[in-house]
């Protein structure tokens, strides 16, 4: 292999190393976003549960409401 061929191989290896580093960075970013998304869904599920627990108290009719404290 001549000098030009060897230089071409070196350039390709450098490009490949750069692409691998970029792919690793993208994979790390994707994994972080997946964790954030999972945590957000868990928080939403917890809030839904709390809302369901609070809903019966919020739907009382005026006759079922306890009197205000000043009575």
C-alpha atoms as a PDB file:
ATOM      1  CA  UNK A   1       0.000   0.000   0.000  1.00  0.00           C
ATOM      2  CA  UNK A   2       1.388   3.347  -1.004  1.00  0.00           C
ATOM      3  CA  UNK A   3       1.637   6.534   1.020  1.00  0.00           C
ATOM      4  CA  UNK A   4      -1.674   7.866  -0.358  1.00  0.00           C
ATOM      5  CA  UNK A   5      -3.444   4.610   0.484  1.00  0.00           C
ATOM      6  CA  UNK A   6      -2.051   4.631   4.009  1.00  0.00           C
ATOM      7  CA  UNK A   7      -3.129   8.258   4.491  1.00  0.00           C
ATOM      8  CA  UNK A   8      -6.632   7.329   3.302  1.00  0.00           C
ATOM      9  CA  UNK A   9      -6.831   4.451   5.824  1.00  0.00           C
ATOM     10  CA  UNK A  10      -5.743   6.798   8.625  1.00  0.00           C
ATOM     11  CA  UNK A  11      -8.402   9.338   7.625  1.00  0.00           C
ATOM     12  CA  UNK A  12     -11.075   6.640   7.557  1.00  0.00           C
ATOM     13  CA  UNK A  13     -10.010   5.370  10.974  1.00  0.00           C
ATOM     14  CA  UNK A  14     -10.196   8.906  12.361  1.00  0.00           C
ATOM     15  CA  UNK A  15     -13.662   9.382  10.884  1.00  0.00           C
ATOM     16  CA  UNK A  16     -14.770   6.046  12.301  1.00  0.00           C
ATOM     17  CA  UNK A  17     -13.500   6.991  15.774  1.00  0.00           C
ATOM     18  CA  UNK A  18     -15.357  10.305  15.561  1.00  0.00           C
ATOM     19  CA  UNK A  19     -18.574   8.555  14.494  1.00  0.00           C
ATOM     20  CA  UNK A  20     -18.264   6.042  17.328  1.00  0.00           C
ATOM     21  CA  UNK A  21     -17.793   8.865  19.861  1.00  0.00           C
ATOM     22  CA  UNK A  22     -20.815  10.683  18.429  1.00  0.00           C
ATOM     23  CA  UNK A  23     -22.890   7.504  18.604  1.00  0.00           C
ATOM     24  CA  UNK A  24     -21.889   6.986  22.245  1.00  0.00           C
ATOM     25  CA  UNK A  25     -22.874  10.571  23.087  1.00  0.00           C
ATOM     26  CA  UNK A  26     -26.236  10.162  21.361  1.00  0.00           C
ATOM     27  CA  UNK A  27     -26.870   6.876  23.141  1.00  0.00           C
ATOM     28  CA  UNK A  28     -26.104   8.476  26.504  1.00  0.00           C
ATOM     29  CA  UNK A  29     -28.443  11.389  25.746  1.00  0.00           C
ATOM     30  CA  UNK A  30     -31.205   9.013  24.657  1.00  0.00           C
ATOM     31  CA  UNK A  31     -30.869   6.929  27.814  1.00  0.00           C
ATOM     32  CA  UNK A  32     -31.029  10.065  29.964  1.00  0.00           C
ATOM     33  CA  UNK A  33     -34.196  11.223  28.175  1.00  0.00           C
ATOM     34  CA  UNK A  34     -35.745   7.778  28.597  1.00  0.00           C
ATOM     35  CA  UNK A  35     -35.092   7.948  32.355  1.00  0.00           C
ATOM     36  CA  UNK A  36     -36.563  11.452  32.535  1.00  0.00           C
ATOM     37  CA  UNK A  37     -39.623  10.359  30.574  1.00  0.00           C
ATOM     38  CA  UNK A  38     -40.117   7.297  32.792  1.00  0.00           C
ATOM     39  CA  UNK A  39     -39.836   9.463  35.910  1.00  0.00           C
ATOM     40  CA  UNK A  40     -42.348  11.936  34.464  1.00  0.00           C
ATOM     41  CA  UNK A  41     -44.843   9.136  33.733  1.00  0.00           C
ATOM     42  CA  UNK A  42     -44.432   7.793  37.263  1.00  0.00           C
ATOM     43  CA  UNK A  43     -45.083  11.270  38.669  1.00  0.00           C
ATOM     44  CA  UNK A  44     -48.180  11.603  36.477  1.00  0.00           C
ATOM     45  CA  UNK A  45     -49.451   8.237  37.700  1.00  0.00           C
ATOM     46  CA  UNK A  46     -48.918   9.302  41.333  1.00  0.00           C
ATOM     47  CA  UNK A  47     -50.761  12.577  40.701  1.00  0.00           C
ATOM     48  CA  UNK A  48     -53.622  10.727  39.021  1.00  0.00           C
ATOM     49  CA  UNK A  49     -53.929   8.529  42.105  1.00  0.00           C
ATOM     50  CA  UNK A  50     -53.968  11.550  44.382  1.00  0.00           C
ATOM     51  CA  UNK A  51     -56.568  13.238  42.195  1.00  0.00           C
ATOM     52  CA  UNK A  52     -58.794  10.165  42.323  1.00  0.00           C
ATOM     53  CA  UNK A  53     -58.499  10.132  46.119  1.00  0.00           C
ATOM     54  CA  UNK A  54     -59.409  13.815  46.318  1.00  0.00           C
ATOM     55  CA  UNK A  55     -62.223  13.721  43.756  1.00  0.00           C
ATOM     56  CA  UNK A  56     -64.966  12.354  46.073  1.00  0.00           C
ATOM     57  CA  UNK A  57     -64.355  15.130  48.607  1.00  0.00           C
ATOM     58  CA  UNK A  58     -64.495  17.768  45.886  1.00  0.00           C
ATOM     59  CA  UNK A  59     -67.773  16.473  44.472  1.00  0.00           C
ATOM     60  CA  UNK A  60     -69.913  16.833  47.612  1.00  0.00           C
ATOM     61  CA  UNK A  61     -73.210  18.600  47.117  1.00  0.00           C
ATOM     62  CA  UNK A  62     -73.841  21.797  49.112  1.00  0.00           C
ATOM     63  CA  UNK A  63     -76.118  19.850  51.479  1.00  0.00           C
ATOM     64  CA  UNK A  64     -73.345  17.371  52.225  1.00  0.00           C
ATOM     65  CA  UNK A  65     -70.735  20.067  52.866  1.00  0.00           C
ATOM     66  CA  UNK A  66     -69.942  20.644  56.526  1.00  0.00           C
ATOM     67  CA  UNK A  67     -70.849  24.117  57.779  1.00  0.00           C
ATOM     68  CA  UNK A  68     -68.096  26.734  57.753  1.00  0.00           C
ATOM     69  CA  UNK A  69     -66.164  27.125  60.997  1.00  0.00           C
ATOM     70  CA  UNK A  70     -67.825  30.411  61.976  1.00  0.00           C
ATOM     71  CA  UNK A  71     -71.190  28.681  62.618  1.00  0.00           C
END
